Amino acid sequence: MTTRAPDPLARPDPIAGRAARRLGNAARDVRALTALAVVGLMALGTAIRWWALGGLEFALGSDDARYVAAAQNLANGFLPDGEAEWFGARAAFLWPVALIFRIAGADDYRAVAWPLICSVLCILATFLVARELVGRRPALVAAGIVAVAPIEVLWATRLRPDAVMPLFIALAAWAALRASRLVTAHEAASPGAPAAREGQPIAGGDRGRSVALWLGAAGLAMGAAWSARETALVMIPVIALAAWPALRAGWVRAWAFLAGLAVIPVVLVVVFAFDGRPLWPLTATAGAGSFRSPADGWAATTAYIARMVQEAVDPRSPLFLALPLLLVAGAVAITRRTRGAILPAAWLGWGFLYLEVGTLLSVDKPVRFLTLLTVPAALLIAIALDGRLSPLIIPAVAVATVLCVQPRINAGNRITNVVLASAVAGTLRDLPPGPVLATDYTWWAKLNAYLARDRLAIRRDIDPAFLDDAARARARQLDPLPEPADYRGGYVVTGPVRRTAGWPSNWGAAERAIARAVATADLQPVARVGRATIWRWVP
């Protein structure tokens, strides 16, 4: 068989030619390659977060159970009310979750979708901040560290504000840096010009408006961070440092930041004004907290710095090697006199000081709070250790993450209490509504929360650190226990039972009552979902 020689007079395919030229131009375009790298890091971050999917524990009195109840109430048209529902006004945290519930229904996957999105977007925000400070290579390394950092990966798929708030703080820092760059670029272009002097417009109306808009965007992002967790306002000094050149050139521009900061609180005031409680979203938090003396807090908790020292050599800890790496980065930054590391170092130091000292008054010291420091830590490491081999930091951190997360996956109940429970919720969603009874407390609590159409009651739980032994024992009991007769006409779900430490201490009585009622009930099988069976309890 012979192959015909190509015809030298034949015209080339114009579509293929254009595609080849565009591909060649893209390969030579540094910006396109950088964008492709950022997208790749975000894809990597999404993949590793999905692999480490945590889902919701739904322990008695746990935050995630109360957050789901508040989001489901919002999805069903009920605004939060009362001391127990103060967190329902966290618009940037729970209202997107409520919107997802309203559109697509509720289960573990939909509950963690918004924190996951915010955690992945934080990779992009980290890149943007680092690029403003130094350049593309350290920006990509910093973004890569955030993509695979153990704390980020662990908490990105749990319904907590810890995966949401850092995104908005990083966006606020980026917007502040953009405003500052507009000012410094003008000053460098025309040193000594009147526009560069303090108190004068920098370059006419257009440039002044651009600076004000960026500062307003920084304020808006901080307002969103506040509406994810109120303590985000502690980080305003960091944003002020990032915006210092813009603010120094004209202090009146601070009003642009304050105006942006006020947008979300004003919107919340307007929304709740229709319910006759305009100030509730601003004041509910104040009455919800519990406080103690700093001395009691210091005695009752382990300092973050002590934990970082103790767990620096524990590969199962999300703090594995974190402190040594930060100390090396800090020492190198000081030795090299790296100016770009000033903001990340101040950001990291101020955030750590707040977490170490501020938490003595009101809360325990969970590791998840350290997500506040992930972005500045990644920035400091990437900027201080910048070099040809610095990209190797990313796979090194990824290995530490795998060592930390894999034992948790093996020891958890994800297949039963997340994957299977969500599948059962999806099947029940397509059936006529009705209450759901199960001997497994986690399933009973999840399914009735996910399928609720009426307002869910939310109990006011106090941090166990503030309770004495007797009160702590009472808090571990569910009152009232479910009455099986109330579920006649609804559904009974049977399947694998996985008892966890989060079950109520008195759930055994409910198990026995449910077993007796089910043994004599008229049950009709409705659907089989994996190892679970859904039965209709005929009234």
Protein backbone atom coordinates (compact mmCIF):
# COMPACT_ATOMS: atom_id res chain seq x y z
CA MET A 1 0.00 0.00 0.00
CA THR A 2 1.43 3.38 -1.00
CA THR A 3 0.83 6.76 0.57
CA ARG A 4 0.06 9.67 -1.69
CA ALA A 5 2.59 12.49 -1.42
CA PRO A 6 1.17 15.81 -0.18
CA ASP A 7 0.19 18.25 -2.88
CA PRO A 8 2.52 21.28 -2.61
CA LEU A 9 -0.16 23.48 -4.19
CA ALA A 10 -2.85 22.46 -1.70
CA ARG A 11 -4.03 25.26 0.59
CA PRO A 12 -3.54 24.65 4.32
CA ASP A 13 -6.57 24.25 6.53
CA PRO A 14 -7.33 27.81 7.71
CA ILE A 15 -8.99 26.64 10.94
CA ALA A 16 -6.06 24.40 11.88
CA GLY A 17 -3.64 27.17 11.01
CA ARG A 18 -5.40 29.70 13.18
CA ALA A 19 -5.60 27.23 16.05
CA ALA A 20 -1.87 26.50 15.77
CA ARG A 21 -1.01 30.20 15.75
CA ARG A 22 -3.20 30.88 18.76
CA LEU A 23 -1.66 27.95 20.62
CA GLY A 24 1.81 29.24 19.85
CA ASN A 25 0.91 32.75 20.95
CA ALA A 26 -0.59 31.41 24.16
CA ALA A 27 2.57 29.43 24.89
CA ARG A 28 4.58 32.62 24.54
CA ASP A 29 2.16 34.66 26.62
CA VAL A 30 3.36 34.60 30.21
CA ARG A 31 0.04 35.85 31.47
CA ALA A 32 -1.84 33.02 29.79
CA LEU A 33 0.55 30.44 31.22
CA THR A 34 0.22 32.01 34.65
CA ALA A 35 -3.57 31.92 34.43
CA LEU A 36 -3.37 28.27 33.37
CA ALA A 37 -1.14 27.51 36.36
CA VAL A 38 -3.55 29.22 38.76
CA VAL A 39 -6.47 27.25 37.32
CA GLY A 40 -4.42 24.08 37.73
CA LEU A 41 -3.70 24.89 41.38
CA MET A 42 -7.39 25.56 41.99
CA ALA A 43 -8.23 22.23 40.36
CA LEU A 44 -5.63 20.53 42.56
CA GLY A 45 -7.09 22.22 45.63
CA THR A 46 -10.60 21.12 44.68
CA ALA A 47 -9.48 17.54 44.12
CA ILE A 48 -7.61 17.18 47.41
CA ARG A 49 -10.45 18.82 49.33
CA TRP A 50 -12.96 16.46 47.76
CA TRP A 51 -10.72 13.52 48.65
CA ALA A 52 -10.67 14.72 52.26
CA LEU A 53 -14.44 15.38 52.34
CA GLY A 54 -15.43 15.76 55.97
CA GLY A 55 -19.15 16.37 55.81
CA LEU A 56 -21.21 17.09 58.90
CA GLU A 57 -20.84 15.33 62.23
CA PHE A 58 -24.24 16.36 63.65
CA ALA A 59 -23.17 15.67 67.21
CA LEU A 60 -25.66 16.81 69.82
CA GLY A 61 -25.33 20.58 70.17
CA SER A 62 -22.63 20.79 67.51
CA ASP A 63 -22.19 23.96 65.51
CA ASP A 64 -22.76 22.26 62.16
CA ALA A 65 -26.16 20.89 63.27
CA ARG A 66 -27.25 24.36 64.41
CA TYR A 67 -25.89 25.98 61.23
CA VAL A 68 -27.88 23.54 59.08
CA ALA A 69 -31.03 24.27 61.08
CA ALA A 70 -30.57 28.03 60.64
CA ALA A 71 -29.87 27.66 56.92
CA GLN A 72 -32.86 25.37 56.45
CA ASN A 73 -35.08 27.85 58.29
CA LEU A 74 -33.86 30.62 55.98
CA ALA A 75 -34.47 28.39 52.96
CA ASN A 76 -38.04 27.85 54.17
CA GLY A 77 -38.61 31.58 54.62
CA PHE A 78 -38.01 31.97 58.37
CA LEU A 79 -35.64 34.69 59.55
CA PRO A 80 -33.50 33.80 62.58
CA ASP A 81 -34.89 34.85 65.93
CA GLY A 82 -33.94 34.54 69.57
CA GLU A 83 -30.63 34.13 71.39
CA ALA A 84 -30.07 30.60 70.08
CA GLU A 85 -30.17 31.72 66.43
CA TRP A 86 -27.85 34.74 66.57
CA PHE A 87 -25.52 33.22 63.96
CA GLY A 88 -28.35 33.19 61.41
CA ALA A 89 -27.45 36.81 60.58
CA ARG A 90 -24.05 35.73 59.23
CA ALA A 91 -25.10 36.55 55.70
CA ALA A 92 -21.84 35.77 53.91
CA PHE A 93 -21.64 32.40 55.64
CA LEU A 94 -25.12 30.90 55.98
CA TRP A 95 -27.28 32.73 53.48
CA PRO A 96 -25.54 31.22 50.42
CA VAL A 97 -26.00 27.81 52.07
CA ALA A 98 -29.70 28.59 52.52
CA LEU A 99 -29.94 29.57 48.85
CA ILE A 100 -28.38 26.24 47.85
CA PHE A 101 -30.84 24.41 50.11
CA ARG A 102 -33.72 26.36 48.58
CA ILE A 103 -32.71 25.55 45.00
CA ALA A 104 -31.31 22.03 45.26
CA GLY A 105 -32.36 20.62 48.63
CA ALA A 106 -30.24 19.80 51.65
CA ASP A 107 -27.68 17.10 52.35
CA ASP A 108 -24.03 16.93 53.40
CA TYR A 109 -22.70 17.76 49.94
CA ARG A 110 -24.88 20.81 49.49
CA ALA A 111 -24.19 21.95 53.05
CA VAL A 112 -20.42 22.07 52.47
CA ALA A 113 -20.58 23.39 48.89
CA TRP A 114 -20.25 27.06 49.89
CA PRO A 115 -17.30 26.58 52.30
CA LEU A 116 -15.62 24.47 49.60
CA ILE A 117 -16.13 27.18 46.97
CA CYS A 118 -14.73 29.84 49.31
CA SER A 119 -11.72 27.71 50.21
CA VAL A 120 -10.90 27.12 46.53
CA LEU A 121 -11.38 30.81 45.68
CA CYS A 122 -8.99 31.62 48.53
CA ILE A 123 -6.27 30.00 46.41
CA LEU A 124 -6.91 32.62 43.73
CA ALA A 125 -7.08 35.42 46.31
CA THR A 126 -3.71 34.35 47.74
CA PHE A 127 -2.18 34.50 44.28
CA LEU A 128 -3.58 37.99 43.69
CA VAL A 129 -2.21 39.31 46.99
CA ALA A 130 1.24 37.81 46.44
CA ARG A 131 1.42 39.09 42.87
CA GLU A 132 0.76 42.62 44.11
CA LEU A 133 3.50 42.25 46.70
CA VAL A 134 6.29 40.55 44.74
CA GLY A 135 5.64 38.74 41.47
CA ARG A 136 4.33 35.68 39.67
CA ARG A 137 6.59 32.86 40.89
CA PRO A 138 6.20 33.42 44.64
CA ALA A 139 2.53 34.15 44.02
CA LEU A 140 2.09 30.74 42.42
CA VAL A 141 3.99 29.07 45.25
CA ALA A 142 1.86 30.83 47.88
CA ALA A 143 -1.32 29.81 46.06
CA GLY A 144 -0.03 26.25 45.84
CA ILE A 145 0.63 26.14 49.58
CA VAL A 146 -2.93 27.28 50.32
CA ALA A 147 -4.21 24.71 47.81
CA VAL A 148 -2.71 21.79 49.74
CA ALA A 149 -2.30 23.13 53.31
CA PRO A 150 -3.57 20.57 55.87
CA ILE A 151 -5.79 22.96 57.82
CA GLU A 152 -7.38 24.32 54.65
CA VAL A 153 -7.99 20.83 53.29
CA LEU A 154 -9.47 19.56 56.54
CA TRP A 155 -11.92 22.40 57.09
CA ALA A 156 -12.91 23.23 53.51
CA THR A 157 -15.63 20.57 53.49
CA ARG A 158 -17.13 21.24 56.89
CA LEU A 159 -19.88 23.75 57.57
CA ARG A 160 -17.83 26.26 59.52
CA PRO A 161 -17.07 29.95 58.92
CA ASP A 162 -13.36 29.10 59.17
CA ALA A 163 -13.28 28.25 55.44
CA VAL A 164 -15.27 31.35 54.44
CA MET A 165 -13.86 34.30 56.39
CA PRO A 166 -10.20 34.04 55.18
CA LEU A 167 -11.30 34.47 51.56
CA PHE A 168 -12.86 37.85 52.20
CA ILE A 169 -9.96 39.06 54.33
CA ALA A 170 -7.56 38.12 51.52
CA LEU A 171 -9.74 39.90 48.96
CA ALA A 172 -9.79 42.99 51.19
CA ALA A 173 -5.99 42.92 51.38
CA TRP A 174 -5.73 42.59 47.60
CA ALA A 175 -8.10 45.50 46.99
CA ALA A 176 -6.17 47.64 49.47
CA LEU A 177 -2.89 46.78 47.73
CA ARG A 178 -4.40 47.70 44.37
CA ALA A 179 -5.40 51.10 45.73
CA SER A 180 -1.91 51.60 47.10
CA ARG A 181 -0.30 50.63 43.81
CA LEU A 182 -2.28 53.28 41.95
CA VAL A 183 -0.87 55.91 44.30
CA THR A 184 2.72 54.66 44.37
CA ALA A 185 2.82 54.22 40.59
CA HIS A 186 1.77 57.85 40.14
CA GLU A 187 4.29 59.07 42.71
CA ALA A 188 7.06 57.16 40.96
CA ALA A 189 6.05 58.60 37.59
CA SER A 190 5.94 62.19 38.82
CA PRO A 191 8.00 62.63 41.99
CA GLY A 192 7.68 66.09 43.42
CA ALA A 193 4.55 66.89 41.45
CA PRO A 194 1.76 68.49 43.43
CA ALA A 195 -0.41 65.43 42.86
CA ALA A 196 2.02 63.32 44.86
CA ARG A 197 1.83 65.49 47.95
CA GLU A 198 -0.36 64.48 50.86
CA GLY A 199 -3.87 65.78 50.76
CA GLN A 200 -3.93 66.42 47.00
CA PRO A 201 -5.65 64.31 44.33
CA ILE A 202 -3.13 61.96 42.77
CA ALA A 203 -3.89 62.21 39.07
CA GLY A 204 -7.13 63.87 38.37
CA GLY A 205 -10.63 62.63 38.87
CA ASP A 206 -10.25 59.25 37.15
CA ARG A 207 -7.31 58.09 39.25
CA GLY A 208 -8.86 59.42 42.43
CA ARG A 209 -12.10 57.60 41.71
CA SER A 210 -10.20 54.38 41.00
CA VAL A 211 -8.39 54.59 44.33
CA ALA A 212 -11.67 55.26 46.13
CA LEU A 213 -13.36 52.34 44.37
CA TRP A 214 -10.58 49.93 45.35
CA LEU A 215 -10.74 51.13 48.96
CA GLY A 216 -14.51 50.75 48.86
CA ALA A 217 -14.05 47.21 47.54
CA ALA A 218 -11.66 46.49 50.42
CA GLY A 219 -14.29 47.72 52.87
CA LEU A 220 -17.00 45.65 51.19
CA ALA A 221 -14.84 42.53 51.45
CA MET A 222 -14.20 43.21 55.14
CA GLY A 223 -17.93 43.66 55.63
CA ALA A 224 -18.43 40.23 54.06
CA ALA A 225 -15.74 38.81 56.36
CA TRP A 226 -17.57 40.33 59.34
CA SER A 227 -20.83 38.75 58.20
CA ALA A 228 -19.07 35.38 58.05
CA ARG A 229 -17.59 35.79 61.54
CA GLU A 230 -17.81 38.96 63.57
CA THR A 231 -14.23 38.82 64.86
CA ALA A 232 -12.93 39.44 61.33
CA LEU A 233 -12.95 43.16 62.16
CA VAL A 234 -9.87 42.51 64.29
CA MET A 235 -7.93 42.30 61.00
CA ILE A 236 -8.74 45.88 59.93
CA PRO A 237 -5.25 47.09 61.02
CA VAL A 238 -3.75 44.66 58.49
CA ILE A 239 -5.93 46.08 55.72
CA ALA A 240 -4.97 49.60 56.83
CA LEU A 241 -1.30 48.63 56.52
CA ALA A 242 -1.89 47.31 53.01
CA ALA A 243 -3.73 50.52 52.09
CA TRP A 244 -1.26 52.82 53.87
CA PRO A 245 0.18 54.53 50.75
CA ALA A 246 -3.33 55.30 49.50
CA LEU A 247 -4.53 56.51 52.90
CA ARG A 248 -1.41 58.59 53.55
CA ALA A 249 -1.88 60.40 50.24
CA GLY A 250 -5.37 61.45 51.27
CA TRP A 251 -6.99 60.49 54.57
CA VAL A 252 -10.38 61.46 53.23
CA ARG A 253 -10.25 58.23 51.24
CA ALA A 254 -10.80 56.30 54.46
CA TRP A 255 -14.46 57.17 54.03
CA ALA A 256 -14.55 55.02 50.90
CA PHE A 257 -13.37 52.04 52.96
CA LEU A 258 -15.91 52.78 55.71
CA ALA A 259 -18.69 53.15 53.15
CA GLY A 260 -17.87 49.74 51.67
CA LEU A 261 -17.64 48.25 55.15
CA ALA A 262 -21.14 49.49 55.97
CA VAL A 263 -22.89 48.01 52.92
CA ILE A 264 -23.67 44.53 54.26
CA PRO A 265 -24.64 45.70 57.78
CA VAL A 266 -27.01 48.25 56.23
CA VAL A 267 -28.56 45.57 54.01
CA LEU A 268 -29.08 43.35 57.05
CA VAL A 269 -30.67 46.22 58.96
CA VAL A 270 -33.08 46.83 56.08
CA VAL A 271 -33.97 43.13 55.79
CA PHE A 272 -34.67 42.73 59.49
CA ALA A 273 -36.53 46.06 59.60
CA PHE A 274 -39.32 44.37 57.65
CA ASP A 275 -39.57 41.96 60.58
CA GLY A 276 -39.62 44.82 63.11
CA ARG A 277 -36.08 44.10 64.38
CA PRO A 278 -33.72 46.39 62.44
CA LEU A 279 -30.85 46.24 64.94
CA TRP A 280 -31.10 42.52 65.73
CA PRO A 281 -28.32 41.39 63.33
CA LEU A 282 -25.97 43.95 64.92
CA THR A 283 -26.80 43.29 68.57
CA ALA A 284 -27.66 39.58 68.72
CA THR A 285 -24.02 38.53 68.95
CA ALA A 286 -23.37 40.64 72.04
CA GLY A 287 -25.94 38.75 74.09
CA ALA A 288 -24.91 35.32 72.85
CA GLY A 289 -21.35 35.14 74.13
CA SER A 290 -20.01 33.60 77.31
CA PHE A 291 -16.94 35.10 78.93
CA ARG A 292 -14.37 34.18 81.55
CA SER A 293 -11.32 35.76 83.10
CA PRO A 294 -8.08 35.50 81.07
CA ALA A 295 -6.48 33.61 83.97
CA ASP A 296 -9.17 30.93 83.84
CA GLY A 297 -8.82 30.74 80.07
CA TRP A 298 -5.06 30.33 80.29
CA ALA A 299 -5.39 27.53 82.84
CA ALA A 300 -8.15 25.72 80.93
CA THR A 301 -6.61 25.68 77.45
CA THR A 302 -3.36 24.80 75.74
CA ALA A 303 -1.71 27.79 74.09
CA TYR A 304 -1.48 27.70 70.32
CA ILE A 305 2.27 28.19 70.46
CA ALA A 306 2.58 25.20 72.81
CA ARG A 307 0.54 23.06 70.43
CA MET A 308 2.64 24.16 67.48
CA VAL A 309 5.78 23.11 69.35
CA GLN A 310 4.35 19.79 70.53
CA GLU A 311 2.82 18.81 67.18
CA ALA A 312 5.61 20.03 64.93
CA VAL A 313 6.97 16.47 64.67
CA ASP A 314 3.61 14.65 64.62
CA PRO A 315 2.75 13.70 61.01
CA ARG A 316 -0.89 13.11 62.01
CA SER A 317 -1.31 16.74 63.06
CA PRO A 318 -2.31 19.58 60.72
CA LEU A 319 0.48 21.57 62.42
CA PHE A 320 3.16 19.10 61.32
CA LEU A 321 6.37 21.05 60.52
CA ALA A 322 4.41 24.34 60.42
CA LEU A 323 6.42 26.10 63.13
CA PRO A 324 9.90 25.10 61.84
CA LEU A 325 8.99 26.18 58.31
CA LEU A 326 7.68 29.53 59.52
CA LEU A 327 10.75 30.13 61.68
CA VAL A 328 13.05 29.41 58.74
CA ALA A 329 11.03 31.69 56.47
CA GLY A 330 11.06 34.47 59.05
CA ALA A 331 14.81 34.19 59.56
CA VAL A 332 15.48 34.23 55.81
CA ALA A 333 13.19 37.23 55.33
CA ILE A 334 15.07 39.16 58.01
CA THR A 335 18.46 38.16 56.61
CA ARG A 336 17.53 39.13 53.06
CA ARG A 337 15.64 42.24 54.22
CA THR A 338 12.75 41.24 52.01
CA ARG A 339 10.37 44.21 51.92
CA GLY A 340 7.60 42.15 50.36
CA ALA A 341 7.48 40.01 53.52
CA ILE A 342 6.56 42.94 55.79
CA LEU A 343 2.80 42.78 55.21
CA PRO A 344 2.54 38.95 55.49
CA ALA A 345 4.67 38.98 58.65
CA ALA A 346 2.53 41.71 60.23
CA TRP A 347 -0.63 39.91 59.11
CA LEU A 348 0.57 36.62 60.58
CA GLY A 349 1.82 38.16 63.82
CA TRP A 350 -1.30 40.23 64.45
CA GLY A 351 -3.62 37.33 63.67
CA PHE A 352 -1.67 34.98 65.93
CA LEU A 353 -1.67 37.52 68.76
CA TYR A 354 -5.44 37.84 68.49
CA LEU A 355 -5.97 34.07 68.47
CA GLU A 356 -3.60 33.48 71.36
CA VAL A 357 -4.80 36.28 73.63
CA GLY A 358 -8.31 37.12 72.41
CA THR A 359 -9.63 33.57 72.74
CA LEU A 360 -8.75 33.49 76.44
CA LEU A 361 -11.91 35.46 77.18
CA SER A 362 -14.64 33.66 75.32
CA VAL A 363 -13.82 30.38 73.55
CA ASP A 364 -11.61 27.34 73.57
CA LYS A 365 -8.66 27.13 71.17
CA PRO A 366 -9.66 24.77 68.34
CA VAL A 367 -7.14 24.17 65.57
CA ARG A 368 -9.70 25.25 62.95
CA PHE A 369 -9.32 28.88 64.08
CA LEU A 370 -5.82 28.80 62.59
CA THR A 371 -7.31 29.02 59.09
CA LEU A 372 -7.15 32.76 59.80
CA LEU A 373 -3.37 32.44 59.45
CA THR A 374 -3.13 30.16 56.42
CA VAL A 375 -2.92 32.92 53.79
CA PRO A 376 -0.30 35.11 55.55
CA ALA A 377 1.74 32.02 56.46
CA ALA A 378 1.75 30.89 52.82
CA LEU A 379 2.69 34.40 51.68
CA LEU A 380 5.57 34.65 54.14
CA ILE A 381 6.97 31.23 53.23
CA ALA A 382 6.67 31.76 49.47
CA ILE A 383 8.15 35.27 49.50
CA ALA A 384 10.97 34.61 51.96
CA LEU A 385 12.06 31.31 50.38
CA ASP A 386 11.60 32.41 46.77
CA GLY A 387 14.02 30.69 44.39
CA ARG A 388 14.26 28.18 41.58
CA LEU A 389 13.52 25.31 43.96
CA SER A 390 10.76 27.04 45.91
CA PRO A 391 7.96 25.30 43.91
CA LEU A 392 9.08 22.07 45.62
CA ILE A 393 7.49 23.42 48.79
CA ILE A 394 4.06 22.63 47.32
CA PRO A 395 4.53 18.83 46.99
CA ALA A 396 6.24 18.76 50.39
CA VAL A 397 3.20 20.36 52.02
CA ALA A 398 0.93 18.03 50.03
CA VAL A 399 2.73 15.00 51.48
CA ALA A 400 2.25 16.39 54.99
CA THR A 401 -1.45 16.84 54.22
CA VAL A 402 -1.85 13.25 53.05
CA LEU A 403 -0.12 11.98 56.21
CA CYS A 404 -2.50 14.08 58.31
CA VAL A 405 -5.78 13.42 56.50
CA GLN A 406 -5.55 9.73 55.55
CA PRO A 407 -5.82 8.39 59.14
CA ARG A 408 -8.89 10.57 59.69
CA ILE A 409 -10.56 9.16 56.58
CA ASN A 410 -9.79 5.60 57.68
CA ALA A 411 -11.10 6.17 61.21
CA GLY A 412 -14.25 8.09 60.27
CA ASN A 413 -17.76 7.11 59.27
CA ARG A 414 -17.88 9.04 56.01
CA ILE A 415 -19.29 6.21 53.89
CA THR A 416 -22.20 5.66 56.27
CA ASN A 417 -22.94 9.03 57.84
CA VAL A 418 -22.14 11.28 54.86
CA VAL A 419 -22.36 9.40 51.57
CA LEU A 420 -25.17 6.95 52.40
CA ALA A 421 -27.11 9.38 54.59
CA SER A 422 -27.05 12.00 51.82
CA ALA A 423 -28.27 9.42 49.29
CA VAL A 424 -31.14 8.47 51.61
CA ALA A 425 -32.03 12.16 52.03
CA GLY A 426 -32.13 12.54 48.26
CA THR A 427 -34.50 9.60 47.91
CA LEU A 428 -36.77 10.82 50.69
CA ARG A 429 -36.88 14.27 49.09
CA ASP A 430 -38.69 12.77 46.10
CA LEU A 431 -41.30 11.03 48.28
CA PRO A 432 -44.36 12.60 49.93
CA PRO A 433 -43.28 14.58 53.01
CA GLY A 434 -43.33 12.98 56.44
CA PRO A 435 -41.25 12.64 59.62
CA VAL A 436 -38.36 10.18 59.59
CA LEU A 437 -37.54 7.74 62.39
CA ALA A 438 -34.20 5.94 62.75
CA THR A 439 -32.39 4.22 65.59
CA ASP A 440 -29.13 5.89 64.53
CA TYR A 441 -29.12 9.34 66.18
CA THR A 442 -26.96 10.92 63.48
CA TRP A 443 -29.31 9.74 60.74
CA TRP A 444 -32.41 10.76 62.68
CA ALA A 445 -31.06 14.27 63.28
CA LYS A 446 -29.72 14.75 59.75
CA LEU A 447 -32.71 13.44 57.82
CA ASN A 448 -35.26 15.43 59.79
CA ALA A 449 -33.17 18.59 59.40
CA TYR A 450 -32.54 18.09 55.69
CA LEU A 451 -36.19 17.38 54.91
CA ALA A 452 -37.78 19.97 57.21
CA ARG A 453 -40.49 22.23 55.81
CA ASP A 454 -41.51 23.88 59.06
CA ARG A 455 -39.34 25.97 61.34
CA LEU A 456 -36.66 23.93 63.10
CA ALA A 457 -36.12 24.59 66.80
CA ILE A 458 -32.53 25.46 67.69
CA ARG A 459 -31.41 24.97 71.25
CA ARG A 460 -29.02 27.39 72.88
CA ASP A 461 -25.83 25.50 73.63
CA ILE A 462 -23.02 26.90 75.73
CA ASP A 463 -19.41 25.94 75.14
CA PRO A 464 -18.65 23.03 77.53
CA ALA A 465 -15.56 24.94 78.68
CA PHE A 466 -17.89 27.34 80.53
CA LEU A 467 -19.95 24.62 82.27
CA ASP A 468 -19.41 22.73 85.49
CA ASP A 469 -19.50 18.94 85.54
CA ALA A 470 -23.21 18.69 86.35
CA ALA A 471 -24.24 21.17 83.66
CA ARG A 472 -21.97 19.45 81.17
CA ALA A 473 -23.67 16.11 81.89
CA ARG A 474 -27.11 17.67 81.40
CA ALA A 475 -25.99 19.23 78.12
CA ARG A 476 -25.14 15.77 76.82
CA GLN A 477 -28.79 14.65 77.09
CA LEU A 478 -31.46 15.13 74.43
CA ASP A 479 -34.69 16.53 75.83
CA PRO A 480 -37.25 15.61 74.71
CA LEU A 481 -36.44 12.26 73.16
CA PRO A 482 -38.41 11.36 70.00
CA GLU A 483 -41.78 9.73 70.66
CA PRO A 484 -42.16 6.88 68.10
CA ALA A 485 -45.95 7.28 67.89
CA ASP A 486 -45.49 10.78 66.44
CA TYR A 487 -43.82 9.25 63.37
CA ARG A 488 -46.76 7.06 62.36
CA GLY A 489 -47.64 7.97 58.77
CA GLY A 490 -44.04 8.95 58.07
CA TYR A 491 -40.97 6.88 57.33
CA VAL A 492 -38.66 4.47 59.12
CA VAL A 493 -35.10 4.13 57.85
CA THR A 494 -33.11 1.02 58.72
CA GLY A 495 -29.51 0.35 57.89
CA PRO A 496 -26.00 0.31 59.33
CA VAL A 497 -25.71 2.00 62.73
CA ARG A 498 -22.45 3.75 63.62
CA ARG A 499 -22.44 5.01 67.19
CA THR A 500 -20.25 8.08 67.66
CA ALA A 501 -19.11 10.17 70.61
CA GLY A 502 -21.56 12.87 69.56
CA TRP A 503 -24.68 10.86 70.38
CA PRO A 504 -26.79 12.02 73.36
CA SER A 505 -25.95 10.15 76.53
CA ASN A 506 -29.62 9.12 76.92
CA TRP A 507 -30.18 7.99 73.32
CA GLY A 508 -30.19 4.35 74.42
CA ALA A 509 -33.70 4.84 75.81
CA ALA A 510 -34.85 6.21 72.46
CA GLU A 511 -33.27 3.25 70.64
CA ARG A 512 -35.18 0.76 72.75
CA ALA A 513 -38.48 2.62 72.35
CA ILE A 514 -38.02 2.86 68.57
CA ALA A 515 -37.14 -0.84 68.31
CA ARG A 516 -40.28 -1.84 70.23
CA ALA A 517 -42.51 0.40 68.12
CA VAL A 518 -41.04 -0.72 64.82
CA ALA A 519 -41.36 -4.41 65.75
CA THR A 520 -45.16 -4.12 65.80
CA ALA A 521 -45.63 -1.40 63.17
CA ASP A 522 -47.19 -1.91 59.75
CA LEU A 523 -44.19 -1.10 57.55
CA GLN A 524 -44.15 -1.14 53.76
CA PRO A 525 -40.82 -1.01 51.91
CA VAL A 526 -40.53 2.07 49.71
CA ALA A 527 -36.94 2.16 48.48
CA ARG A 528 -33.60 0.46 48.90
CA VAL A 529 -30.59 2.81 49.00
CA GLY A 530 -27.33 0.93 49.32
CA ARG A 531 -27.41 -0.85 52.67
CA ALA A 532 -30.32 1.27 53.89
CA THR A 533 -34.03 0.60 53.47
CA ILE A 534 -36.78 3.21 53.57
CA TRP A 535 -40.10 1.97 54.96
CA ARG A 536 -43.47 3.69 54.98
CA TRP A 537 -45.14 3.47 58.38
CA VAL A 538 -48.77 2.90 57.49
CA PRO A 539 -50.97 4.82 59.95
